[in-house]
Amino acid sequence: MAALDSLSLFTSLGLSEQKARETLKNSAQQTLGSTIDKATGILLYGLASRLRDTRRLSFLVSYIASKKIHTEPQLSAALEYVRSHPLDPIDTVDFERECGVGVIVTPEQIEEAVEAAINRHRPQLLVERYHFNMGLLMGEARAVLKWADGKMIKNEVDMQVLHLLGPKLEADLEKKFKVAKA
């Protein structure tokens, strides 16, 4: 990949031209290769828009490019870690542990966590049906599986709720009115 192509790639991801040039000076270009998938691009953009300490840019880019950091919660944890540990050198073992590097969350674990959350709220869910706050279920599953992909959790919640309640009825499509407090 030509240097100009790389520069325009990094600036299109939200890096200033200066930050993009600094990134290209390090090994990130070799790490990234010539193609970047959409998920990696989104993480790089998130990094570029939220990172304040540019000394850590190449360090974090290498973790994203090598897919050691591959979810938004991991990126948020990584940014928090470098903010709270401003002095060099970074303890990579501690950094990786705090950011969930190497943690694999299986679909079975997501299924079990969602099932447990639904079971805790089953009576209320059966009464409120689709007016129930599904975010509560997703939040409980996320609390158990910190590094799980949020989209996978949402899909599992949707699938299990549909299995429990069946398709939406006419009453489920009506807006839920809030009762005014006296």
N, C-alpha and C. Protein backbone atom coordinates (compact mmCIF):
# COMPACT_ATOMS: atom_id res chain seq x y z
N MET A 1 0.85 -1.17 0.00
CA MET A 1 0.00 0.00 0.00
C MET A 1 0.89 1.23 0.00
N ALA A 2 0.62 2.14 -0.86
CA ALA A 2 1.43 3.34 -0.97
C ALA A 2 1.21 4.23 0.24
N ALA A 3 2.22 5.02 0.56
CA ALA A 3 2.15 5.88 1.74
C ALA A 3 0.99 6.87 1.63
N LEU A 4 0.74 7.39 0.42
CA LEU A 4 -0.34 8.35 0.23
C LEU A 4 -1.68 7.69 0.50
N ASP A 5 -1.87 6.43 0.03
CA ASP A 5 -3.11 5.70 0.29
C ASP A 5 -3.30 5.51 1.79
N SER A 6 -2.24 5.16 2.49
CA SER A 6 -2.32 4.95 3.94
C SER A 6 -2.68 6.25 4.64
N LEU A 7 -2.06 7.35 4.21
CA LEU A 7 -2.33 8.64 4.82
C LEU A 7 -3.80 9.00 4.65
N SER A 8 -4.32 8.84 3.44
CA SER A 8 -5.72 9.18 3.22
C SER A 8 -6.65 8.24 3.98
N LEU A 9 -6.24 6.97 4.14
CA LEU A 9 -7.03 6.03 4.92
C LEU A 9 -7.15 6.50 6.36
N PHE A 10 -6.02 6.85 6.98
CA PHE A 10 -6.05 7.27 8.37
C PHE A 10 -6.77 8.60 8.56
N THR A 11 -6.60 9.53 7.62
CA THR A 11 -7.33 10.80 7.76
C THR A 11 -8.82 10.58 7.55
N SER A 12 -9.21 9.64 6.69
CA SER A 12 -10.63 9.35 6.50
C SER A 12 -11.25 8.68 7.73
N LEU A 13 -10.41 8.08 8.57
CA LEU A 13 -10.89 7.46 9.80
C LEU A 13 -10.98 8.47 10.94
N GLY A 14 -10.60 9.72 10.66
CA GLY A 14 -10.75 10.77 11.66
C GLY A 14 -9.46 11.26 12.28
N LEU A 15 -8.33 10.67 11.92
CA LEU A 15 -7.06 11.14 12.46
C LEU A 15 -6.69 12.45 11.78
N SER A 16 -6.07 13.35 12.53
CA SER A 16 -5.55 14.55 11.90
C SER A 16 -4.40 14.11 10.99
N GLU A 17 -4.03 14.95 10.06
CA GLU A 17 -2.94 14.58 9.15
C GLU A 17 -1.65 14.32 9.92
N GLN A 18 -1.39 15.12 10.96
CA GLN A 18 -0.19 14.94 11.77
C GLN A 18 -0.21 13.57 12.46
N LYS A 19 -1.36 13.21 13.08
CA LYS A 19 -1.47 11.91 13.75
C LYS A 19 -1.34 10.78 12.74
N ALA A 20 -1.92 10.97 11.56
CA ALA A 20 -1.84 9.94 10.53
C ALA A 20 -0.38 9.72 10.11
N ARG A 21 0.36 10.80 9.95
CA ARG A 21 1.77 10.67 9.58
C ARG A 21 2.58 9.98 10.68
N GLU A 22 2.30 10.32 11.94
CA GLU A 22 2.98 9.67 13.06
C GLU A 22 2.70 8.18 13.08
N THR A 23 1.47 7.84 12.81
CA THR A 23 1.08 6.42 12.81
C THR A 23 1.80 5.67 11.70
N LEU A 24 1.93 6.32 10.55
CA LEU A 24 2.60 5.67 9.42
C LEU A 24 4.10 5.48 9.66
N LYS A 25 4.67 6.31 10.53
CA LYS A 25 6.10 6.18 10.82
C LYS A 25 6.40 4.91 11.60
N ASN A 26 5.41 4.42 12.34
CA ASN A 26 5.66 3.22 13.14
C ASN A 26 5.30 1.97 12.35
N SER A 27 5.21 0.89 13.03
CA SER A 27 4.99 -0.39 12.36
C SER A 27 3.52 -0.68 12.06
N ALA A 28 2.63 0.27 12.33
CA ALA A 28 1.21 0.01 12.13
C ALA A 28 0.91 -0.32 10.66
N GLN A 29 1.60 0.34 9.75
CA GLN A 29 1.33 0.08 8.34
C GLN A 29 1.61 -1.38 8.00
N GLN A 30 2.72 -1.91 8.49
CA GLN A 30 3.02 -3.32 8.23
C GLN A 30 2.01 -4.23 8.93
N THR A 31 1.58 -3.83 10.12
CA THR A 31 0.62 -4.62 10.87
C THR A 31 -0.74 -4.64 10.19
N LEU A 32 -1.17 -3.48 9.69
CA LEU A 32 -2.49 -3.38 9.09
C LEU A 32 -2.59 -4.06 7.73
N GLY A 33 -1.53 -4.03 6.97
CA GLY A 33 -1.59 -4.61 5.64
C GLY A 33 -2.35 -3.69 4.70
N SER A 34 -2.83 -4.23 3.59
CA SER A 34 -3.43 -3.38 2.58
C SER A 34 -4.95 -3.28 2.70
N THR A 35 -5.58 -4.16 3.46
CA THR A 35 -7.03 -4.08 3.58
C THR A 35 -7.43 -4.03 5.05
N ILE A 36 -8.47 -3.26 5.30
CA ILE A 36 -9.01 -3.13 6.64
C ILE A 36 -10.49 -3.43 6.56
N ASP A 37 -10.94 -4.39 7.38
CA ASP A 37 -12.37 -4.70 7.37
C ASP A 37 -13.13 -3.58 8.09
N LYS A 38 -14.44 -3.58 7.91
CA LYS A 38 -15.29 -2.51 8.45
C LYS A 38 -15.19 -2.41 9.98
N ALA A 39 -15.22 -3.56 10.67
CA ALA A 39 -15.18 -3.55 12.14
C ALA A 39 -13.88 -2.93 12.64
N THR A 40 -12.77 -3.27 12.00
CA THR A 40 -11.48 -2.70 12.38
C THR A 40 -11.46 -1.21 12.10
N GLY A 41 -12.01 -0.81 10.97
CA GLY A 41 -12.09 0.61 10.61
C GLY A 41 -12.89 1.41 11.63
N ILE A 42 -14.00 0.84 12.10
CA ILE A 42 -14.82 1.51 13.09
C ILE A 42 -14.06 1.68 14.40
N LEU A 43 -13.32 0.63 14.80
CA LEU A 43 -12.52 0.73 16.02
C LEU A 43 -11.41 1.75 15.87
N LEU A 44 -10.76 1.78 14.71
CA LEU A 44 -9.70 2.76 14.48
C LEU A 44 -10.26 4.18 14.52
N TYR A 45 -11.44 4.35 13.95
CA TYR A 45 -12.08 5.67 13.99
C TYR A 45 -12.39 6.05 15.44
N GLY A 46 -12.93 5.10 16.20
CA GLY A 46 -13.22 5.34 17.61
C GLY A 46 -11.97 5.72 18.38
N LEU A 47 -10.89 5.03 18.08
CA LEU A 47 -9.60 5.31 18.71
C LEU A 47 -9.15 6.74 18.36
N ALA A 48 -9.20 7.05 17.08
CA ALA A 48 -8.72 8.37 16.62
C ALA A 48 -9.54 9.50 17.22
N SER A 49 -10.83 9.30 17.38
CA SER A 49 -11.67 10.38 17.87
C SER A 49 -11.65 10.52 19.39
N ARG A 50 -11.22 9.48 20.10
CA ARG A 50 -11.27 9.52 21.58
C ARG A 50 -9.91 9.54 22.26
N LEU A 51 -8.85 9.22 21.56
CA LEU A 51 -7.52 9.16 22.18
C LEU A 51 -6.95 10.57 22.34
N ARG A 52 -6.52 10.89 23.55
CA ARG A 52 -5.94 12.20 23.81
C ARG A 52 -4.41 12.15 23.78
N ASP A 53 -3.83 11.06 24.23
CA ASP A 53 -2.38 10.93 24.34
C ASP A 53 -1.84 10.22 23.09
N THR A 54 -1.35 10.99 22.14
CA THR A 54 -0.92 10.41 20.87
C THR A 54 0.32 9.52 21.00
N ARG A 55 1.01 9.58 22.15
CA ARG A 55 2.17 8.69 22.33
C ARG A 55 1.71 7.23 22.31
N ARG A 56 0.48 6.96 22.67
CA ARG A 56 -0.04 5.59 22.76
C ARG A 56 -0.75 5.14 21.48
N LEU A 57 -0.78 6.00 20.47
CA LEU A 57 -1.51 5.70 19.25
C LEU A 57 -1.02 4.43 18.57
N SER A 58 0.27 4.32 18.33
CA SER A 58 0.78 3.15 17.61
C SER A 58 0.59 1.88 18.43
N PHE A 59 0.73 1.99 19.76
CA PHE A 59 0.52 0.84 20.65
C PHE A 59 -0.90 0.31 20.49
N LEU A 60 -1.88 1.21 20.55
CA LEU A 60 -3.28 0.80 20.46
C LEU A 60 -3.66 0.36 19.05
N VAL A 61 -3.12 1.04 18.04
CA VAL A 61 -3.40 0.64 16.65
C VAL A 61 -2.92 -0.79 16.41
N SER A 62 -1.77 -1.14 16.96
CA SER A 62 -1.26 -2.50 16.75
C SER A 62 -2.17 -3.55 17.39
N TYR A 63 -2.77 -3.24 18.53
CA TYR A 63 -3.71 -4.17 19.17
C TYR A 63 -4.99 -4.31 18.36
N ILE A 64 -5.46 -3.21 17.77
CA ILE A 64 -6.67 -3.28 16.94
C ILE A 64 -6.38 -4.01 15.64
N ALA A 65 -5.26 -3.66 15.01
CA ALA A 65 -4.90 -4.27 13.73
C ALA A 65 -4.69 -5.77 13.85
N SER A 66 -4.15 -6.21 14.97
CA SER A 66 -3.91 -7.65 15.15
C SER A 66 -5.13 -8.37 15.72
N LYS A 67 -6.24 -7.63 15.87
CA LYS A 67 -7.51 -8.17 16.35
C LYS A 67 -7.45 -8.65 17.81
N LYS A 68 -6.46 -8.18 18.54
CA LYS A 68 -6.43 -8.48 19.97
C LYS A 68 -7.48 -7.64 20.69
N ILE A 69 -7.73 -6.45 20.17
CA ILE A 69 -8.85 -5.62 20.60
C ILE A 69 -9.80 -5.60 19.41
N HIS A 70 -10.99 -6.20 19.60
CA HIS A 70 -11.89 -6.33 18.46
C HIS A 70 -13.34 -5.97 18.77
N THR A 71 -13.60 -5.44 19.97
CA THR A 71 -14.95 -4.99 20.30
C THR A 71 -14.89 -3.59 20.91
N GLU A 72 -16.01 -2.90 20.88
CA GLU A 72 -16.10 -1.56 21.46
C GLU A 72 -15.81 -1.57 22.96
N PRO A 73 -16.35 -2.53 23.73
CA PRO A 73 -16.01 -2.53 25.17
C PRO A 73 -14.51 -2.70 25.42
N GLN A 74 -13.84 -3.48 24.60
CA GLN A 74 -12.38 -3.63 24.76
C GLN A 74 -11.68 -2.31 24.44
N LEU A 75 -12.11 -1.63 23.39
CA LEU A 75 -11.51 -0.34 23.05
C LEU A 75 -11.72 0.67 24.17
N SER A 76 -12.92 0.72 24.72
CA SER A 76 -13.19 1.64 25.83
C SER A 76 -12.29 1.32 27.03
N ALA A 77 -12.13 0.02 27.32
CA ALA A 77 -11.27 -0.38 28.43
C ALA A 77 -9.81 0.00 28.14
N ALA A 78 -9.38 -0.16 26.89
CA ALA A 78 -8.01 0.18 26.52
C ALA A 78 -7.77 1.68 26.66
N LEU A 79 -8.72 2.48 26.21
CA LEU A 79 -8.58 3.93 26.32
C LEU A 79 -8.55 4.36 27.79
N GLU A 80 -9.39 3.75 28.60
CA GLU A 80 -9.41 4.05 30.03
C GLU A 80 -8.08 3.64 30.67
N TYR A 81 -7.55 2.50 30.24
CA TYR A 81 -6.29 2.02 30.81
C TYR A 81 -5.15 2.99 30.50
N VAL A 82 -5.02 3.43 29.24
CA VAL A 82 -3.91 4.33 28.90
C VAL A 82 -4.10 5.70 29.56
N ARG A 83 -5.36 6.11 29.78
CA ARG A 83 -5.61 7.36 30.49
C ARG A 83 -5.17 7.25 31.95
N SER A 84 -5.45 6.11 32.57
CA SER A 84 -5.15 5.96 33.99
C SER A 84 -3.71 5.48 34.26
N HIS A 85 -2.98 5.13 33.21
CA HIS A 85 -1.58 4.71 33.34
C HIS A 85 -0.72 5.54 32.37
N PRO A 86 -0.52 6.83 32.67
CA PRO A 86 0.16 7.70 31.72
C PRO A 86 1.68 7.49 31.63
N LEU A 87 2.27 6.81 32.60
CA LEU A 87 3.73 6.67 32.59
C LEU A 87 4.16 5.41 31.84
N ASP A 88 5.26 5.54 31.12
CA ASP A 88 5.85 4.40 30.42
C ASP A 88 6.69 3.60 31.38
N PRO A 89 6.92 2.36 31.17
CA PRO A 89 6.32 1.55 30.11
C PRO A 89 4.96 1.00 30.54
N ILE A 90 4.16 0.61 29.54
CA ILE A 90 2.86 -0.01 29.83
C ILE A 90 3.12 -1.47 30.18
N ASP A 91 2.51 -1.92 31.25
CA ASP A 91 2.58 -3.32 31.65
C ASP A 91 1.61 -4.08 30.74
N THR A 92 2.13 -4.72 29.70
CA THR A 92 1.27 -5.35 28.70
C THR A 92 0.42 -6.48 29.28
N VAL A 93 0.94 -7.22 30.24
CA VAL A 93 0.15 -8.30 30.85
C VAL A 93 -1.07 -7.71 31.57
N ASP A 94 -0.84 -6.67 32.34
CA ASP A 94 -1.93 -6.00 33.06
C ASP A 94 -2.90 -5.36 32.06
N PHE A 95 -2.36 -4.69 31.04
CA PHE A 95 -3.18 -4.06 30.01
C PHE A 95 -4.10 -5.08 29.34
N GLU A 96 -3.53 -6.21 28.93
CA GLU A 96 -4.32 -7.23 28.23
C GLU A 96 -5.40 -7.82 29.14
N ARG A 97 -5.07 -8.02 30.41
CA ARG A 97 -6.05 -8.56 31.36
C ARG A 97 -7.20 -7.56 31.54
N GLU A 98 -6.87 -6.29 31.69
CA GLU A 98 -7.89 -5.26 31.91
C GLU A 98 -8.75 -4.99 30.68
N CYS A 99 -8.24 -5.33 29.50
CA CYS A 99 -8.96 -5.06 28.25
C CYS A 99 -9.60 -6.31 27.64
N GLY A 100 -9.50 -7.43 28.31
CA GLY A 100 -10.15 -8.63 27.80
C GLY A 100 -9.47 -9.24 26.59
N VAL A 101 -8.19 -8.95 26.40
CA VAL A 101 -7.46 -9.52 25.26
C VAL A 101 -7.37 -11.03 25.46
N GLY A 102 -7.75 -11.76 24.44
CA GLY A 102 -7.69 -13.22 24.49
C GLY A 102 -8.94 -13.88 25.07
N VAL A 103 -9.87 -13.07 25.59
CA VAL A 103 -11.10 -13.63 26.15
C VAL A 103 -12.05 -13.95 25.00
N ILE A 104 -12.50 -15.18 24.95
CA ILE A 104 -13.43 -15.62 23.92
C ILE A 104 -14.78 -15.88 24.59
N VAL A 105 -15.81 -15.21 24.10
CA VAL A 105 -17.16 -15.44 24.61
C VAL A 105 -17.89 -16.25 23.55
N THR A 106 -18.34 -17.43 23.93
CA THR A 106 -18.99 -18.34 22.98
C THR A 106 -20.48 -18.02 22.86
N PRO A 107 -21.09 -18.39 21.75
CA PRO A 107 -22.54 -18.22 21.61
C PRO A 107 -23.31 -18.96 22.71
N GLU A 108 -22.77 -20.08 23.17
CA GLU A 108 -23.43 -20.84 24.24
C GLU A 108 -23.44 -20.04 25.54
N GLN A 109 -22.33 -19.35 25.83
CA GLN A 109 -22.28 -18.52 27.04
C GLN A 109 -23.29 -17.38 26.95
N ILE A 110 -23.42 -16.78 25.77
CA ILE A 110 -24.39 -15.71 25.58
C ILE A 110 -25.80 -16.25 25.76
N GLU A 111 -26.06 -17.41 25.17
CA GLU A 111 -27.38 -18.03 25.30
C GLU A 111 -27.72 -18.28 26.77
N GLU A 112 -26.77 -18.82 27.52
CA GLU A 112 -27.00 -19.11 28.95
C GLU A 112 -27.23 -17.84 29.76
N ALA A 113 -26.45 -16.80 29.51
CA ALA A 113 -26.59 -15.55 30.24
C ALA A 113 -27.94 -14.89 29.96
N VAL A 114 -28.36 -14.90 28.70
CA VAL A 114 -29.65 -14.32 28.34
C VAL A 114 -30.78 -15.14 28.94
N GLU A 115 -30.67 -16.45 28.88
CA GLU A 115 -31.69 -17.33 29.44
C GLU A 115 -31.84 -17.07 30.94
N ALA A 116 -30.74 -16.91 31.66
CA ALA A 116 -30.79 -16.64 33.09
C ALA A 116 -31.47 -15.29 33.37
N ALA A 117 -31.17 -14.28 32.56
CA ALA A 117 -31.80 -12.97 32.74
C ALA A 117 -33.29 -13.05 32.47
N ILE A 118 -33.69 -13.76 31.44
CA ILE A 118 -35.11 -13.92 31.13
C ILE A 118 -35.82 -14.67 32.25
N ASN A 119 -35.19 -15.71 32.77
CA ASN A 119 -35.80 -16.47 33.87
C ASN A 119 -36.02 -15.62 35.11
N ARG A 120 -35.09 -14.69 35.39
CA ARG A 120 -35.24 -13.81 36.55
C ARG A 120 -36.43 -12.87 36.39
N HIS A 121 -36.75 -12.50 35.17
CA HIS A 121 -37.81 -11.53 34.90
C HIS A 121 -39.03 -12.15 34.22
N ARG A 122 -39.11 -13.46 34.19
CA ARG A 122 -40.18 -14.16 33.46
C ARG A 122 -41.58 -13.69 33.85
N PRO A 123 -41.94 -13.62 35.16
CA PRO A 123 -43.31 -13.21 35.50
C PRO A 123 -43.66 -11.82 34.94
N GLN A 124 -42.76 -10.87 35.13
CA GLN A 124 -43.01 -9.51 34.64
C GLN A 124 -43.03 -9.49 33.11
N LEU A 125 -42.17 -10.25 32.49
CA LEU A 125 -42.10 -10.33 31.03
C LEU A 125 -43.39 -10.90 30.45
N LEU A 126 -43.95 -11.91 31.10
CA LEU A 126 -45.20 -12.51 30.63
C LEU A 126 -46.37 -11.53 30.76
N VAL A 127 -46.33 -10.67 31.76
CA VAL A 127 -47.40 -9.69 31.95
C VAL A 127 -47.23 -8.52 30.97
N GLU A 128 -46.03 -7.96 30.91
CA GLU A 128 -45.79 -6.77 30.09
C GLU A 128 -45.55 -7.10 28.61
N ARG A 129 -45.20 -8.33 28.34
CA ARG A 129 -44.88 -8.80 27.00
C ARG A 129 -43.85 -7.88 26.33
N TYR A 130 -44.12 -7.40 25.14
CA TYR A 130 -43.13 -6.62 24.39
C TYR A 130 -42.99 -5.17 24.89
N HIS A 131 -43.78 -4.79 25.89
CA HIS A 131 -43.61 -3.48 26.51
C HIS A 131 -42.53 -3.53 27.59
N PHE A 132 -42.07 -4.73 27.93
CA PHE A 132 -41.01 -4.90 28.91
C PHE A 132 -39.74 -4.24 28.39
N ASN A 133 -38.93 -3.68 29.27
CA ASN A 133 -37.68 -3.03 28.89
C ASN A 133 -36.62 -4.10 28.58
N MET A 134 -36.44 -4.40 27.30
CA MET A 134 -35.50 -5.44 26.88
C MET A 134 -34.05 -5.04 27.19
N GLY A 135 -33.82 -3.74 27.34
CA GLY A 135 -32.48 -3.27 27.70
C GLY A 135 -32.02 -3.83 29.04
N LEU A 136 -32.97 -4.06 29.93
CA LEU A 136 -32.66 -4.65 31.23
C LEU A 136 -32.08 -6.05 31.05
N LEU A 137 -32.69 -6.83 30.17
CA LEU A 137 -32.19 -8.19 29.90
C LEU A 137 -30.79 -8.13 29.29
N MET A 138 -30.61 -7.23 28.33
CA MET A 138 -29.31 -7.11 27.68
C MET A 138 -28.25 -6.63 28.67
N GLY A 139 -28.63 -5.70 29.54
CA GLY A 139 -27.69 -5.19 30.54
C GLY A 139 -27.25 -6.26 31.52
N GLU A 140 -28.18 -7.11 31.93
CA GLU A 140 -27.83 -8.19 32.85
C GLU A 140 -26.90 -9.21 32.19
N ALA A 141 -27.18 -9.53 30.93
CA ALA A 141 -26.30 -10.47 30.21
C ALA A 141 -24.92 -9.84 30.02
N ARG A 142 -24.88 -8.55 29.72
CA ARG A 142 -23.60 -7.84 29.52
C ARG A 142 -22.80 -7.81 30.83
N ALA A 143 -23.50 -7.68 31.97
CA ALA A 143 -22.81 -7.65 33.26
C ALA A 143 -22.11 -8.98 33.54
N VAL A 144 -22.71 -10.07 33.10
CA VAL A 144 -22.12 -11.39 33.30
C VAL A 144 -20.99 -11.64 32.30
N LEU A 145 -21.18 -11.17 31.08
CA LEU A 145 -20.22 -11.41 29.99
C LEU A 145 -19.69 -10.06 29.50
N LYS A 146 -18.77 -9.49 30.26
CA LYS A 146 -18.27 -8.14 30.00
C LYS A 146 -17.75 -7.95 28.57
N TRP A 147 -17.11 -8.96 28.01
CA TRP A 147 -16.47 -8.79 26.70
C TRP A 147 -17.30 -9.34 25.54
N ALA A 148 -18.53 -9.69 25.79
CA ALA A 148 -19.38 -10.23 24.72
C ALA A 148 -19.76 -9.14 23.72
N ASP A 149 -20.02 -9.56 22.49
CA ASP A 149 -20.46 -8.65 21.44
C ASP A 149 -21.90 -8.25 21.72
N GLY A 150 -22.14 -6.95 21.84
CA GLY A 150 -23.47 -6.45 22.15
C GLY A 150 -24.52 -6.85 21.14
N LYS A 151 -24.13 -6.88 19.87
CA LYS A 151 -25.07 -7.26 18.82
C LYS A 151 -25.51 -8.72 18.99
N MET A 152 -24.58 -9.58 19.38
CA MET A 152 -24.92 -10.98 19.59
C MET A 152 -25.86 -11.13 20.79
N ILE A 153 -25.63 -10.34 21.84
CA ILE A 153 -26.51 -10.37 23.00
C ILE A 153 -27.91 -9.92 22.61
N LYS A 154 -28.01 -8.83 21.86
CA LYS A 154 -29.32 -8.32 21.44
C LYS A 154 -30.05 -9.35 20.60
N ASN A 155 -29.36 -9.96 19.65
CA ASN A 155 -30.00 -10.97 18.80
C ASN A 155 -30.51 -12.14 19.62
N GLU A 156 -29.73 -12.56 20.62
CA GLU A 156 -30.13 -13.68 21.48
C GLU A 156 -31.35 -13.30 22.33
N VAL A 157 -31.37 -12.07 22.86
CA VAL A 157 -32.53 -11.60 23.63
C VAL A 157 -33.77 -11.61 22.74
N ASP A 158 -33.64 -11.04 21.55
CA ASP A 158 -34.78 -10.99 20.62
C ASP A 158 -35.30 -12.39 20.31
N MET A 159 -34.39 -13.32 20.06
CA MET A 159 -34.78 -14.68 19.70
C MET A 159 -35.47 -15.39 20.87
N GLN A 160 -34.89 -15.28 22.07
CA GLN A 160 -35.47 -15.97 23.21
C GLN A 160 -36.80 -15.35 23.65
N VAL A 161 -36.92 -14.04 23.54
CA VAL A 161 -38.19 -13.39 23.88
C VAL A 161 -39.26 -13.80 22.88
N LEU A 162 -38.92 -13.85 21.62
CA LEU A 162 -39.87 -14.31 20.61
C LEU A 162 -40.30 -15.75 20.89
N HIS A 163 -39.36 -16.59 21.26
CA HIS A 163 -39.67 -17.99 21.58
C HIS A 163 -40.59 -18.07 22.80
N LEU A 164 -40.39 -17.23 23.80
CA LEU A 164 -41.19 -17.24 25.01
C LEU A 164 -42.59 -16.67 24.77
N LEU A 165 -42.67 -15.53 24.10
CA LEU A 165 -43.93 -14.80 23.97
C LEU A 165 -44.65 -15.04 22.65
N GLY A 166 -43.95 -15.55 21.66
CA GLY A 166 -44.55 -15.69 20.34
C GLY A 166 -44.54 -14.36 19.61
N PRO A 167 -45.13 -14.32 18.43
CA PRO A 167 -45.13 -13.06 17.67
C PRO A 167 -45.92 -11.97 18.39
N LYS A 168 -45.63 -10.73 18.03
CA LYS A 168 -46.32 -9.60 18.65
C LYS A 168 -47.80 -9.64 18.29
N LEU A 169 -48.62 -9.31 19.29
CA LEU A 169 -50.06 -9.21 19.10
C LEU A 169 -50.43 -7.75 18.88
N GLU A 170 -51.68 -7.52 18.55
CA GLU A 170 -52.18 -6.16 18.34
C GLU A 170 -51.89 -5.28 19.56
N ALA A 171 -52.12 -5.82 20.75
CA ALA A 171 -51.90 -5.06 22.00
C ALA A 171 -50.43 -4.71 22.19
N ASP A 172 -49.54 -5.56 21.68
CA ASP A 172 -48.11 -5.30 21.82
C ASP A 172 -47.65 -4.13 20.95
N LEU A 173 -48.41 -3.85 19.90
CA LEU A 173 -48.02 -2.78 18.98
C LEU A 173 -48.50 -1.42 19.45
N GLU A 174 -49.48 -1.40 20.40
CA GLU A 174 -49.99 -0.14 20.92
C GLU A 174 -48.95 0.51 21.82
N LYS A 175 -48.96 1.83 21.82
CA LYS A 175 -48.01 2.55 22.68
C LYS A 175 -48.38 2.36 24.13
N LYS A 176 -47.35 2.25 24.95
CA LYS A 176 -47.54 2.10 26.39
C LYS A 176 -47.63 3.50 26.98
N PHE A 177 -48.73 3.78 27.66
CA PHE A 177 -48.92 5.11 28.25
C PHE A 177 -48.41 5.10 29.68
N LYS A 178 -47.73 6.17 30.02
CA LYS A 178 -47.23 6.30 31.38
C LYS A 178 -48.33 6.86 32.26
N VAL A 179 -48.43 6.34 33.45
CA VAL A 179 -49.43 6.81 34.39
C VAL A 179 -48.85 8.04 35.10
N ALA A 180 -49.61 9.12 35.09
CA ALA A 180 -49.14 10.35 35.74
C ALA A 180 -49.19 10.17 37.25
N LYS A 181 -48.14 10.61 37.93
CA LYS A 181 -48.09 10.51 39.38
C LYS A 181 -48.89 11.67 40.01
N ALA A 182 -49.59 11.37 41.07
CA ALA A 182 -50.43 12.40 41.72
C ALA A 182 -49.56 13.36 42.51
